[in-house]
Amino acid sequence: MRFQFMLSEIGIGLRRNLSMTISVILVTTVSLLLLGVGILAQKQVSAMKSYWYDRVQVSIFLCGKDSDSTSCADGEVTQDQTAAIRADLGSPALKPYIDTVYYESKEEAYAHFKEQFKGSVLADNVVADQLPESFRVKLKDPQQYQVVSDAFRDKPGVERVQDQNQLLDRLFALLNGLKWGAWFVAGLTLLCTVLLVATTIRLTAFTRRRETGIMRLVGASNLVIQLPFVLEGMIAAFLGAVLASGVLVAFTHFAVQGWLKNSLRFVENYVTVGDALSIVPFLFVVGLLIAGVSSFLSLRRYLKV
């Protein structure tokens, strides 16, 4: 009988404040969706970092005939300078940082250039002698690229040192900015959810203050009085979590694994539907906790007789 009474009270509360309940559902959906997007963005950035940083190289380009760098004032790199650079790459000081070293001659650089710009006008207007020799250095720890870079920058025979990490750091700074932006907006909308749930429950309690007062006078416990109100908020939050989870999974399947993966092929590892599904339980927990706690706290004032 008590269970049926609670169900009837919950039904009455949801019907009386239908517009507010719908608002709670929609705000909860948006906030949890943004929270899920932020978590997925974190996973995506981590996956991209592990993929690209493992492939990071420090490219040491040697002086050519047309080099205008200050370290190339004596002209094209000599065999002795090349040998000295090779010896430094194998020195005990740099050995802990370097995994492998690959030397690329002018002819090999020209072959790669022709392959990369095949069918372009550039491919027909560049000769092998215009391209620099280089050492491609793969690091054991990609985060330590600055050590190798500093060791060869401004060294005689070296035109420039190119750190791929500099480009990647800018990319990941942008991605991290987007991720934190999503989390910031999610935090604001979660705060709106808390306030809206509290307002809705207070309005419901106010409209039913006579019934709750009678229940208190006849000896009903606090739990019996409060539970229907708390469950109303949690039901609205549950429906919002269902919608947010569905949109998040659909977004991952169609937008990320579908359109984005086919459009941006330079990224190997994209977040999957499995990653989205792993977030779903967390969204439900957050939504139910916010609704339950805010509902419980907002009732303390309005249920006093």
Protein backbone atom coordinates (compact mmCIF):
# COMPACT_ATOMS: atom_id res chain seq x y z
CA MET A 1 0.00 0.00 0.00
CA ARG A 2 2.81 2.41 0.92
CA PHE A 3 4.59 1.67 -2.37
CA GLN A 4 1.41 2.34 -4.35
CA PHE A 5 0.94 5.56 -2.41
CA MET A 6 4.43 6.73 -3.33
CA LEU A 7 3.84 5.89 -7.00
CA SER A 8 0.63 7.88 -7.00
CA GLU A 9 2.34 10.85 -5.35
CA ILE A 10 5.16 10.73 -7.91
CA GLY A 11 2.63 10.62 -10.75
CA ILE A 12 0.72 13.57 -9.33
CA GLY A 13 3.90 15.61 -8.95
CA LEU A 14 5.11 14.92 -12.49
CA ARG A 15 1.72 15.81 -13.97
CA ARG A 16 1.28 19.01 -11.98
CA ASN A 17 4.69 20.34 -13.03
CA LEU A 18 4.98 18.81 -16.47
CA SER A 19 6.66 21.82 -18.07
CA MET A 20 9.23 22.06 -15.28
CA THR A 21 9.86 18.31 -15.47
CA ILE A 22 10.49 18.59 -19.21
CA SER A 23 12.86 21.48 -18.54
CA VAL A 24 14.78 19.38 -16.01
CA ILE A 25 15.03 16.53 -18.52
CA LEU A 26 16.32 18.81 -21.30
CA VAL A 27 18.82 20.68 -19.13
CA THR A 28 20.08 17.41 -17.67
CA THR A 29 20.43 16.00 -21.19
CA VAL A 30 22.50 18.95 -22.38
CA SER A 31 24.74 19.07 -19.31
CA LEU A 32 25.43 15.33 -19.25
CA LEU A 33 25.99 15.31 -23.01
CA LEU A 34 28.59 18.06 -22.73
CA LEU A 35 30.20 16.22 -19.83
CA GLY A 36 30.35 13.07 -21.95
CA VAL A 37 31.81 15.00 -24.89
CA GLY A 38 34.48 16.40 -22.58
CA ILE A 39 35.42 12.91 -21.38
CA LEU A 40 35.50 11.61 -24.97
CA ALA A 41 37.68 14.56 -25.95
CA GLN A 42 40.09 13.62 -23.16
CA LYS A 43 40.21 10.05 -24.47
CA GLN A 44 40.75 11.29 -28.03
CA VAL A 45 43.58 13.62 -27.07
CA SER A 46 45.28 10.84 -25.07
CA ALA A 47 44.95 8.40 -28.00
CA MET A 48 46.34 10.94 -30.47
CA LYS A 49 49.23 11.80 -28.17
CA SER A 50 50.24 8.18 -27.72
CA TYR A 51 50.02 7.61 -31.50
CA TRP A 52 51.83 10.72 -32.73
CA TYR A 53 54.39 11.11 -29.98
CA ASP A 54 55.57 7.55 -30.63
CA ARG A 55 56.30 8.63 -34.21
CA VAL A 56 57.92 11.95 -33.42
CA GLN A 57 61.28 12.59 -35.05
CA VAL A 58 63.83 15.35 -34.73
CA SER A 59 65.02 16.23 -38.22
CA ILE A 60 68.54 17.69 -38.47
CA PHE A 61 68.87 19.35 -41.89
CA LEU A 62 72.45 19.90 -43.07
CA CYS A 63 73.74 22.91 -44.93
CA GLY A 64 73.27 22.97 -48.70
CA LYS A 65 74.66 25.19 -51.44
CA ASP A 66 71.86 27.74 -51.11
CA SER A 67 71.53 27.71 -47.31
CA ASP A 68 71.40 31.16 -45.72
CA SER A 69 71.63 30.11 -42.07
CA THR A 70 74.37 31.69 -39.96
CA SER A 71 75.72 28.23 -39.17
CA CYS A 72 76.14 27.67 -42.93
CA ALA A 73 78.41 30.69 -43.48
CA ASP A 74 81.18 28.40 -44.76
CA GLY A 75 78.91 26.93 -47.43
CA GLU A 76 77.74 23.38 -47.97
CA VAL A 77 78.30 20.85 -45.21
CA THR A 78 81.59 18.99 -45.49
CA GLN A 79 82.20 15.30 -45.00
CA ASP A 80 84.09 16.04 -41.79
CA GLN A 81 81.14 18.02 -40.40
CA THR A 82 78.75 15.24 -41.36
CA ALA A 83 80.97 12.70 -39.63
CA ALA A 84 81.18 14.92 -36.53
CA ILE A 85 77.38 15.23 -36.37
CA ARG A 86 77.01 11.47 -36.78
CA ALA A 87 79.55 10.93 -33.98
CA ASP A 88 77.69 13.34 -31.70
CA LEU A 89 74.43 11.46 -32.31
CA GLY A 90 76.12 8.30 -31.07
CA SER A 91 77.82 9.97 -28.09
CA PRO A 92 77.22 8.71 -24.52
CA ALA A 93 75.60 12.04 -23.61
CA LEU A 94 72.78 11.61 -26.15
CA LYS A 95 72.55 7.83 -26.25
CA PRO A 96 69.97 7.66 -23.39
CA TYR A 97 67.61 9.86 -25.43
CA ILE A 98 68.03 8.45 -28.94
CA ASP A 99 66.40 5.28 -30.21
CA THR A 100 67.48 5.18 -33.88
CA VAL A 101 69.19 7.51 -36.34
CA TYR A 102 68.50 7.47 -40.07
CA TYR A 103 70.62 9.40 -42.58
CA GLU A 104 68.80 10.71 -45.65
CA SER A 105 70.93 11.68 -48.64
CA LYS A 106 70.01 14.28 -51.25
CA GLU A 107 68.96 11.53 -53.66
CA GLU A 108 66.70 9.89 -51.06
CA ALA A 109 65.22 13.27 -50.11
CA TYR A 110 64.56 13.96 -53.79
CA ALA A 111 62.85 10.58 -54.24
CA HIS A 112 60.61 11.26 -51.22
CA PHE A 113 59.89 14.76 -52.54
CA LYS A 114 58.88 13.43 -55.95
CA GLU A 115 56.59 10.88 -54.32
CA GLN A 116 55.01 13.41 -51.99
CA PHE A 117 54.38 16.03 -54.71
CA LYS A 118 53.64 13.64 -57.53
CA GLY A 119 51.67 15.36 -60.29
CA SER A 120 52.49 18.83 -58.90
CA VAL A 121 54.40 21.58 -60.71
CA LEU A 122 56.93 21.57 -57.88
CA ALA A 123 57.99 18.03 -58.70
CA ASP A 124 59.16 19.15 -62.15
CA ASN A 125 61.07 22.22 -60.99
CA VAL A 126 63.25 20.80 -58.22
CA VAL A 127 66.48 18.87 -58.64
CA ALA A 128 68.15 16.60 -56.11
CA ASP A 129 71.00 19.06 -55.49
CA GLN A 130 68.55 21.64 -54.13
CA LEU A 131 67.38 19.39 -51.30
CA PRO A 132 69.39 19.11 -48.06
CA GLU A 133 70.87 16.02 -46.49
CA SER A 134 69.46 15.24 -43.09
CA PHE A 135 69.53 13.01 -40.05
CA ARG A 136 66.15 11.73 -38.84
CA VAL A 137 66.34 10.97 -35.12
CA LYS A 138 63.72 8.82 -33.38
CA LEU A 139 63.64 9.42 -29.65
CA LYS A 140 63.16 6.96 -26.82
CA ASP A 141 61.08 9.52 -24.95
CA PRO A 142 59.40 11.97 -27.35
CA GLN A 143 58.95 14.46 -24.51
CA GLN A 144 62.75 14.90 -24.39
CA TYR A 145 63.06 16.28 -27.92
CA GLN A 146 64.42 19.59 -26.63
CA VAL A 147 67.63 17.91 -25.40
CA VAL A 148 68.55 16.65 -28.88
CA SER A 149 67.35 19.82 -30.54
CA ASP A 150 69.50 22.07 -28.35
CA ALA A 151 72.56 19.88 -28.92
CA PHE A 152 72.59 20.52 -32.69
CA ARG A 153 71.03 23.91 -33.16
CA ASP A 154 73.65 26.42 -34.46
CA LYS A 155 76.18 23.63 -34.86
CA PRO A 156 78.52 24.06 -37.89
CA GLY A 157 77.12 22.21 -40.88
CA VAL A 158 73.55 22.22 -39.51
CA GLU A 159 71.09 24.51 -41.30
CA ARG A 160 68.16 23.96 -38.95
CA VAL A 161 66.66 21.48 -36.52
CA GLN A 162 62.97 20.75 -36.97
CA ASP A 163 61.03 19.47 -34.00
CA GLN A 164 57.78 17.78 -34.96
CA ASN A 165 56.74 18.17 -31.34
CA GLN A 166 56.45 21.93 -31.82
CA LEU A 167 53.69 21.37 -34.35
CA LEU A 168 52.07 18.63 -32.28
CA ASP A 169 52.16 20.74 -29.12
CA ARG A 170 50.14 23.45 -30.88
CA LEU A 171 47.64 20.89 -32.12
CA PHE A 172 47.22 19.32 -28.70
CA ALA A 173 47.00 22.74 -27.06
CA LEU A 174 44.03 23.48 -29.32
CA LEU A 175 42.43 20.11 -28.59
CA ASN A 176 42.96 20.53 -24.86
CA GLY A 177 41.40 23.99 -25.08
CA LEU A 178 38.34 22.53 -26.75
CA LYS A 179 38.18 19.79 -24.13
CA TRP A 180 38.38 22.23 -21.21
CA GLY A 181 35.82 24.44 -22.93
CA ALA A 182 33.40 21.52 -23.14
CA TRP A 183 33.97 20.69 -19.48
CA PHE A 184 33.50 24.33 -18.46
CA VAL A 185 30.17 24.58 -20.28
CA ALA A 186 29.21 21.17 -18.85
CA GLY A 187 29.94 22.48 -15.35
CA LEU A 188 27.74 25.53 -15.93
CA THR A 189 24.87 23.45 -17.28
CA LEU A 190 25.21 20.97 -14.40
CA LEU A 191 24.91 23.91 -12.01
CA CYS A 192 21.79 24.99 -13.92
CA THR A 193 20.47 21.44 -13.53
CA VAL A 194 20.99 21.56 -9.77
CA LEU A 195 19.18 24.89 -9.48
CA LEU A 196 16.36 23.81 -11.78
CA VAL A 197 15.83 20.51 -9.95
CA ALA A 198 15.83 22.31 -6.61
CA THR A 199 13.34 24.90 -7.89
CA THR A 200 11.08 22.23 -9.37
CA ILE A 201 11.04 20.19 -6.17
CA ARG A 202 10.42 23.27 -4.04
CA LEU A 203 7.51 24.24 -6.28
CA THR A 204 6.10 20.75 -6.03
CA ALA A 205 6.49 20.73 -2.25
CA PHE A 206 4.84 24.15 -1.99
CA THR A 207 1.81 23.11 -4.04
CA ARG A 208 1.41 19.99 -1.87
CA ARG A 209 2.24 21.56 1.48
CA ARG A 210 -1.24 20.81 2.87
CA GLU A 211 -0.96 17.09 2.09
CA THR A 212 2.55 16.87 3.53
CA GLY A 213 1.43 18.74 6.65
CA ILE A 214 -1.39 16.24 7.21
CA MET A 215 1.02 13.35 6.67
CA ARG A 216 3.39 14.80 9.27
CA LEU A 217 0.55 15.25 11.77
CA VAL A 218 -0.61 11.65 11.41
CA GLY A 219 2.91 10.40 12.12
CA ALA A 220 4.42 9.79 8.67
CA SER A 221 8.21 9.53 8.75
CA ASN A 222 10.51 11.98 6.99
CA LEU A 223 11.50 9.27 4.52
CA VAL A 224 7.90 8.60 3.49
CA ILE A 225 7.26 12.30 3.01
CA GLN A 226 10.49 13.13 1.19
CA LEU A 227 10.94 10.05 -0.98
CA PRO A 228 8.25 10.85 -3.61
CA PHE A 229 9.76 14.30 -4.18
CA VAL A 230 13.30 12.96 -4.42
CA LEU A 231 12.21 10.23 -6.81
CA GLU A 232 10.49 12.78 -9.05
CA GLY A 233 13.76 14.63 -9.54
CA MET A 234 15.71 11.40 -10.03
CA ILE A 235 13.22 10.13 -12.62
CA ALA A 236 13.60 13.38 -14.61
CA ALA A 237 17.40 13.11 -14.32
CA PHE A 238 17.28 9.45 -15.36
CA LEU A 239 15.35 10.32 -18.52
CA GLY A 240 17.84 13.10 -19.22
CA ALA A 241 20.73 10.63 -18.82
CA VAL A 242 19.02 8.22 -21.22
CA LEU A 243 18.71 10.94 -23.87
CA ALA A 244 22.27 12.18 -23.30
CA SER A 245 23.67 8.66 -23.56
CA GLY A 246 21.75 7.97 -26.76
CA VAL A 247 22.92 11.20 -28.39
CA LEU A 248 26.52 10.60 -27.25
CA VAL A 249 26.61 7.07 -28.70
CA ALA A 250 24.97 8.24 -31.93
CA PHE A 251 27.41 11.15 -32.19
CA THR A 252 30.37 8.81 -31.75
CA HIS A 253 29.05 6.32 -34.31
CA PHE A 254 27.94 8.70 -37.05
CA ALA A 255 30.04 11.84 -36.56
CA VAL A 256 33.34 10.45 -35.25
CA GLN A 257 33.56 6.91 -36.62
CA GLY A 258 31.64 7.84 -39.75
CA TRP A 259 32.25 11.34 -41.10
CA LEU A 260 35.36 12.41 -39.12
CA LYS A 261 37.28 9.17 -39.58
CA ASN A 262 36.70 9.22 -43.33
CA SER A 263 37.52 12.92 -43.65
CA LEU A 264 40.65 13.19 -41.49
CA ARG A 265 42.65 10.11 -42.33
CA PHE A 266 45.90 11.34 -40.78
CA VAL A 267 44.51 10.35 -37.37
CA GLU A 268 44.66 6.60 -36.86
CA ASN A 269 42.95 6.18 -33.51
CA TYR A 270 39.51 7.69 -32.99
CA VAL A 271 37.27 7.14 -29.99
CA THR A 272 34.83 4.30 -30.60
CA VAL A 273 31.27 3.49 -29.66
CA GLY A 274 32.76 1.25 -26.96
CA ASP A 275 34.45 4.30 -25.43
CA ALA A 276 31.14 6.15 -25.45
CA LEU A 277 29.35 3.20 -23.86
CA SER A 278 31.98 3.03 -21.11
CA ILE A 279 31.05 6.62 -20.16
CA VAL A 280 27.30 5.96 -20.00
CA PRO A 281 27.23 4.51 -16.43
CA PHE A 282 29.17 7.54 -15.18
CA LEU A 283 26.62 9.90 -16.76
CA PHE A 284 23.77 8.07 -15.02
CA VAL A 285 25.56 8.20 -11.66
CA VAL A 286 26.27 11.93 -12.00
CA GLY A 287 22.72 12.73 -13.12
CA LEU A 288 21.06 10.71 -10.36
CA LEU A 289 23.38 12.04 -7.66
CA ILE A 290 22.79 15.65 -8.67
CA ALA A 291 19.03 15.20 -8.77
CA GLY A 292 18.86 13.16 -5.56
CA VAL A 293 21.09 15.40 -3.45
CA SER A 294 19.62 18.69 -4.71
CA SER A 295 16.07 17.38 -4.20
CA PHE A 296 16.81 16.18 -0.67
CA LEU A 297 18.46 19.42 0.41
CA SER A 298 15.78 21.63 -1.10
CA LEU A 299 13.02 19.79 0.84
CA ARG A 300 14.38 20.45 4.31
CA ARG A 301 12.79 23.88 4.56
CA TYR A 302 9.47 23.16 2.89
CA LEU A 303 8.60 20.01 4.82
CA LYS A 304 8.71 21.56 8.25
CA VAL A 305 5.33 21.87 9.96
